[in-house]
């Protein structure tokens, strides 16, 4: 289910095209996917795709922005009810692992294409990132450079998505929550 990709005013064709593009881009990469592939998978023609997106690159960027906005909104919502840093860390891990189980392709797509699309992300999306969210939680009270701890936690999370996609880790990801808590708490001291 990819409802998070859809906006209220999206026609059915656009919704199907976005979902088909996410599947193809995640499995074959953007370069390895053609407009014809996406049109075929979505059940619409190439002209229908161009009605909604000016190019494959435009489609890839818009897809990235929707996946990215979904991820940060989900994490922020999960953190809203947490009071302490420990509760916030637990909420972050729980929700991130849940997102891997619900929308692995979306999380992987963001992780794998962050460098490519970051310069084109609108300012309102740049203000809130997975890095800033993690920094708020682990950025204080840790020995040494807090940025190193942020890198370690973000790396653990993003690499988990990659390994699940490649079959190196089997799901459901949420079953790793206790282990991840222990790993992160061990890292943070």
Foldseek 3Di string as FASTA:
>chain_A
DPCLLDDPPDDLLLVLLLVLCLVCCLVQNLVRDDLCSSCVRSVHDSVSVCVPAVHSVRSLLSSLQSLLVVVQVQLVVQQPVDDALLSSVLSNLLSLLVCCQVPLSSLLSNLVCVVPRVVVHDPVSVVTGLLVSLCVRQVPDAPDHSSVLSCVLVVVSNVVSVCCVVVVDDDSSSVCSVVSSVVSVVVRD
